Amino acid sequence: MKKTNYSSEELEIVDYIENSNPQSISNLKEEKELLKSIVKDNVQKKKQVNFRLLESDLEKLKTRALVEGIPYQTLLSSIIHKFLNGNLTPKQN
């Protein structure tokens, strides 16, 4: 049997579904559209920033992005996003 590691939030959702009597909402389509617009307005909003990097680091970043087949700005954004969300941690010495 495959072991699944659920987060506490996921476990709460499973518990709610299995042990409660969830009801469907009458205006599901409108509610979905509202939630989509909220996500679009808040989560996908991007802001341009400028900062300085060592030239050698920028060249390494561009090389790595080329190997990955993505623009270096996308790679840098992904690295920052993963780090801030706890999915990328600094290497321990």
N, C-alpha and C. Protein backbone atom coordinates (compact mmCIF):
# COMPACT_ATOMS: atom_id res chain seq x y z
N MET A 1 0.83 -1.18 0.00
CA MET A 1 0.00 0.00 0.00
C MET A 1 0.88 1.24 0.00
N LYS A 2 0.58 2.17 -0.85
CA LYS A 2 1.37 3.39 -0.97
C LYS A 2 1.06 4.34 0.18
N LYS A 3 2.10 4.78 0.88
CA LYS A 3 1.92 5.71 1.97
C LYS A 3 1.83 7.13 1.40
N THR A 4 0.83 7.88 1.86
CA THR A 4 0.64 9.24 1.40
C THR A 4 0.85 10.19 2.56
N ASN A 5 1.67 11.20 2.36
CA ASN A 5 1.91 12.20 3.39
C ASN A 5 1.03 13.41 3.13
N TYR A 6 -0.04 13.53 3.92
CA TYR A 6 -0.93 14.67 3.78
C TYR A 6 -0.51 15.78 4.73
N SER A 7 -0.69 17.01 4.30
CA SER A 7 -0.45 18.14 5.18
C SER A 7 -1.62 18.22 6.17
N SER A 8 -1.46 19.01 7.22
CA SER A 8 -2.55 19.14 8.20
C SER A 8 -3.79 19.75 7.55
N GLU A 9 -3.59 20.68 6.61
CA GLU A 9 -4.72 21.29 5.91
C GLU A 9 -5.46 20.24 5.07
N GLU A 10 -4.71 19.38 4.39
CA GLU A 10 -5.33 18.33 3.59
C GLU A 10 -6.09 17.34 4.47
N LEU A 11 -5.53 17.03 5.63
CA LEU A 11 -6.20 16.12 6.56
C LEU A 11 -7.50 16.72 7.08
N GLU A 12 -7.51 18.03 7.32
CA GLU A 12 -8.74 18.71 7.74
C GLU A 12 -9.81 18.61 6.66
N ILE A 13 -9.42 18.76 5.41
CA ILE A 13 -10.38 18.68 4.30
C ILE A 13 -10.95 17.26 4.21
N VAL A 14 -10.08 16.26 4.29
CA VAL A 14 -10.54 14.87 4.23
C VAL A 14 -11.49 14.59 5.39
N ASP A 15 -11.11 15.05 6.59
CA ASP A 15 -11.97 14.84 7.76
C ASP A 15 -13.32 15.52 7.57
N TYR A 16 -13.34 16.72 7.06
CA TYR A 16 -14.60 17.43 6.83
C TYR A 16 -15.49 16.66 5.86
N ILE A 17 -14.91 16.20 4.77
CA ILE A 17 -15.69 15.48 3.76
C ILE A 17 -16.21 14.16 4.30
N GLU A 18 -15.37 13.44 5.02
CA GLU A 18 -15.76 12.11 5.49
C GLU A 18 -16.67 12.15 6.72
N ASN A 19 -16.56 13.17 7.56
CA ASN A 19 -17.28 13.17 8.83
C ASN A 19 -18.33 14.27 8.96
N SER A 20 -18.54 15.02 7.93
CA SER A 20 -19.55 16.07 7.95
C SER A 20 -20.55 15.79 6.85
N ASN A 21 -21.46 16.68 6.70
CA ASN A 21 -22.44 16.55 5.63
C ASN A 21 -22.31 17.77 4.72
N PRO A 22 -21.25 17.84 3.92
CA PRO A 22 -21.06 19.02 3.08
C PRO A 22 -22.20 19.17 2.08
N GLN A 23 -22.61 20.40 1.88
CA GLN A 23 -23.70 20.71 0.96
C GLN A 23 -23.14 21.49 -0.22
N SER A 24 -23.66 21.21 -1.38
CA SER A 24 -23.28 21.95 -2.58
C SER A 24 -23.92 23.33 -2.51
N ILE A 25 -23.24 24.32 -3.07
CA ILE A 25 -23.82 25.66 -3.06
C ILE A 25 -24.64 25.87 -4.33
N SER A 26 -25.64 26.72 -4.21
CA SER A 26 -26.58 26.89 -5.33
C SER A 26 -25.97 27.67 -6.48
N ASN A 27 -25.07 28.58 -6.20
CA ASN A 27 -24.49 29.42 -7.25
C ASN A 27 -23.04 29.03 -7.53
N LEU A 28 -22.81 27.76 -7.77
CA LEU A 28 -21.46 27.22 -7.94
C LEU A 28 -20.70 27.92 -9.06
N LYS A 29 -21.34 28.11 -10.20
CA LYS A 29 -20.66 28.72 -11.34
C LYS A 29 -20.17 30.13 -11.00
N GLU A 30 -21.03 30.93 -10.37
CA GLU A 30 -20.66 32.30 -9.99
C GLU A 30 -19.55 32.30 -8.95
N GLU A 31 -19.62 31.37 -8.01
CA GLU A 31 -18.61 31.27 -6.97
C GLU A 31 -17.24 30.91 -7.55
N LYS A 32 -17.24 29.98 -8.52
CA LYS A 32 -15.98 29.61 -9.20
C LYS A 32 -15.38 30.81 -9.91
N GLU A 33 -16.21 31.57 -10.61
CA GLU A 33 -15.72 32.74 -11.33
C GLU A 33 -15.16 33.78 -10.38
N LEU A 34 -15.83 33.98 -9.24
CA LEU A 34 -15.34 34.93 -8.24
C LEU A 34 -13.97 34.50 -7.72
N LEU A 35 -13.83 33.21 -7.39
CA LEU A 35 -12.56 32.71 -6.88
C LEU A 35 -11.45 32.80 -7.93
N LYS A 36 -11.78 32.52 -9.18
CA LYS A 36 -10.80 32.64 -10.26
C LYS A 36 -10.31 34.07 -10.38
N SER A 37 -11.22 35.02 -10.29
CA SER A 37 -10.81 36.43 -10.42
C SER A 37 -9.95 36.86 -9.23
N ILE A 38 -10.27 36.36 -8.04
CA ILE A 38 -9.45 36.68 -6.86
C ILE A 38 -8.03 36.14 -7.03
N VAL A 39 -7.93 34.89 -7.49
CA VAL A 39 -6.61 34.28 -7.71
C VAL A 39 -5.85 35.06 -8.78
N LYS A 40 -6.52 35.38 -9.86
CA LYS A 40 -5.87 36.10 -10.94
C LYS A 40 -5.36 37.46 -10.48
N ASP A 41 -6.16 38.15 -9.68
CA ASP A 41 -5.79 39.48 -9.21
C ASP A 41 -4.67 39.46 -8.18
N ASN A 42 -4.61 38.40 -7.38
CA ASN A 42 -3.66 38.40 -6.27
C ASN A 42 -2.47 37.47 -6.42
N VAL A 43 -2.68 36.30 -6.95
CA VAL A 43 -1.60 35.31 -7.00
C VAL A 43 -0.74 35.47 -8.24
N GLN A 44 -1.35 35.76 -9.35
CA GLN A 44 -0.60 35.80 -10.60
C GLN A 44 -0.03 37.17 -10.91
N LYS A 45 -0.25 38.14 -10.04
CA LYS A 45 0.25 39.48 -10.28
C LYS A 45 1.77 39.48 -10.15
N LYS A 46 2.43 40.04 -11.11
CA LYS A 46 3.89 40.08 -11.09
C LYS A 46 4.35 41.53 -11.00
N LYS A 47 5.46 41.73 -10.35
CA LYS A 47 6.03 43.06 -10.17
C LYS A 47 7.48 43.03 -10.66
N GLN A 48 7.84 44.00 -11.45
CA GLN A 48 9.21 44.07 -11.93
C GLN A 48 10.11 44.61 -10.84
N VAL A 49 11.26 43.96 -10.66
CA VAL A 49 12.26 44.41 -9.69
C VAL A 49 13.62 44.47 -10.36
N ASN A 50 14.48 45.28 -9.80
CA ASN A 50 15.85 45.40 -10.29
C ASN A 50 16.80 45.19 -9.13
N PHE A 51 17.83 44.39 -9.33
CA PHE A 51 18.86 44.23 -8.32
C PHE A 51 20.15 43.83 -9.00
N ARG A 52 21.22 43.93 -8.28
CA ARG A 52 22.54 43.66 -8.83
C ARG A 52 23.01 42.25 -8.45
N LEU A 53 23.62 41.58 -9.41
CA LEU A 53 24.22 40.27 -9.21
C LEU A 53 25.68 40.33 -9.62
N LEU A 54 26.47 39.44 -9.06
CA LEU A 54 27.83 39.31 -9.58
C LEU A 54 27.73 38.83 -11.02
N GLU A 55 28.57 39.36 -11.86
CA GLU A 55 28.54 38.99 -13.27
C GLU A 55 28.72 37.48 -13.45
N SER A 56 29.61 36.90 -12.63
CA SER A 56 29.85 35.46 -12.74
C SER A 56 28.60 34.67 -12.34
N ASP A 57 27.85 35.15 -11.33
CA ASP A 57 26.60 34.47 -10.94
C ASP A 57 25.56 34.57 -12.04
N LEU A 58 25.48 35.71 -12.68
CA LEU A 58 24.52 35.89 -13.77
C LEU A 58 24.86 34.95 -14.93
N GLU A 59 26.12 34.81 -15.25
CA GLU A 59 26.51 33.90 -16.33
C GLU A 59 26.17 32.45 -15.99
N LYS A 60 26.41 32.06 -14.73
CA LYS A 60 26.05 30.70 -14.29
C LYS A 60 24.54 30.50 -14.36
N LEU A 61 23.79 31.51 -13.96
CA LEU A 61 22.34 31.44 -14.02
C LEU A 61 21.86 31.28 -15.46
N LYS A 62 22.43 32.06 -16.36
CA LYS A 62 22.05 31.97 -17.77
C LYS A 62 22.41 30.59 -18.35
N THR A 63 23.56 30.06 -17.97
CA THR A 63 23.98 28.74 -18.44
C THR A 63 23.03 27.67 -17.94
N ARG A 64 22.69 27.74 -16.66
CA ARG A 64 21.77 26.75 -16.07
C ARG A 64 20.39 26.83 -16.73
N ALA A 65 19.93 28.05 -16.99
CA ALA A 65 18.63 28.24 -17.63
C ALA A 65 18.65 27.66 -19.04
N LEU A 66 19.75 27.83 -19.73
CA LEU A 66 19.88 27.28 -21.08
C LEU A 66 19.79 25.75 -21.04
N VAL A 67 20.45 25.15 -20.06
CA VAL A 67 20.39 23.69 -19.89
C VAL A 67 18.96 23.25 -19.59
N GLU A 68 18.25 24.02 -18.76
CA GLU A 68 16.87 23.70 -18.38
C GLU A 68 15.89 24.02 -19.51
N GLY A 69 16.33 24.85 -20.46
CA GLY A 69 15.46 25.20 -21.59
C GLY A 69 14.43 26.27 -21.27
N ILE A 70 14.76 27.14 -20.30
CA ILE A 70 13.85 28.22 -19.93
C ILE A 70 14.61 29.54 -19.86
N PRO A 71 13.93 30.67 -19.95
CA PRO A 71 14.60 31.95 -19.80
C PRO A 71 15.20 32.10 -18.39
N TYR A 72 16.32 32.79 -18.28
CA TYR A 72 16.97 32.89 -16.99
C TYR A 72 16.13 33.66 -15.98
N GLN A 73 15.30 34.60 -16.44
CA GLN A 73 14.43 35.34 -15.53
C GLN A 73 13.41 34.38 -14.90
N THR A 74 12.90 33.45 -15.70
CA THR A 74 11.94 32.46 -15.20
C THR A 74 12.60 31.55 -14.18
N LEU A 75 13.81 31.13 -14.45
CA LEU A 75 14.55 30.29 -13.52
C LEU A 75 14.78 31.02 -12.20
N LEU A 76 15.21 32.25 -12.27
CA LEU A 76 15.46 33.04 -11.06
C LEU A 76 14.17 33.23 -10.26
N SER A 77 13.08 33.54 -10.94
CA SER A 77 11.79 33.69 -10.28
C SER A 77 11.37 32.39 -9.60
N SER A 78 11.59 31.27 -10.27
CA SER A 78 11.24 29.97 -9.72
C SER A 78 12.06 29.65 -8.47
N ILE A 79 13.34 29.96 -8.51
CA ILE A 79 14.22 29.72 -7.36
C ILE A 79 13.75 30.53 -6.16
N ILE A 80 13.46 31.79 -6.37
CA ILE A 80 12.99 32.66 -5.28
C ILE A 80 11.66 32.16 -4.73
N HIS A 81 10.74 31.81 -5.64
CA HIS A 81 9.42 31.33 -5.22
C HIS A 81 9.54 30.05 -4.39
N LYS A 82 10.34 29.11 -4.86
CA LYS A 82 10.51 27.85 -4.12
C LYS A 82 11.15 28.09 -2.76
N PHE A 83 12.13 28.96 -2.69
CA PHE A 83 12.80 29.26 -1.42
C PHE A 83 11.82 29.88 -0.43
N LEU A 84 11.04 30.86 -0.88
CA LEU A 84 10.11 31.54 0.02
C LEU A 84 8.97 30.64 0.48
N ASN A 85 8.65 29.61 -0.27
CA ASN A 85 7.58 28.68 0.11
C ASN A 85 8.11 27.43 0.80
N GLY A 86 9.40 27.43 1.14
CA GLY A 86 9.97 26.33 1.89
C GLY A 86 10.30 25.09 1.09
N ASN A 87 10.24 25.19 -0.24
CA ASN A 87 10.53 24.04 -1.08
C ASN A 87 11.98 24.00 -1.54
N LEU A 88 12.74 25.00 -1.17
CA LEU A 88 14.15 25.07 -1.52
C LEU A 88 14.86 25.64 -0.30
N THR A 89 15.78 24.89 0.24
CA THR A 89 16.46 25.35 1.45
C THR A 89 17.94 25.48 1.16
N PRO A 90 18.60 26.38 1.89
CA PRO A 90 20.05 26.54 1.69
C PRO A 90 20.79 25.27 2.07
N LYS A 91 21.88 25.03 1.38
CA LYS A 91 22.72 23.86 1.64
C LYS A 91 23.43 24.04 2.98
N GLN A 92 23.34 23.03 3.84
CA GLN A 92 23.99 23.06 5.13
C GLN A 92 25.43 22.55 5.00
N ASN A 93 26.36 23.25 5.61
CA ASN A 93 27.77 22.83 5.57
C ASN A 93 28.10 21.89 6.68
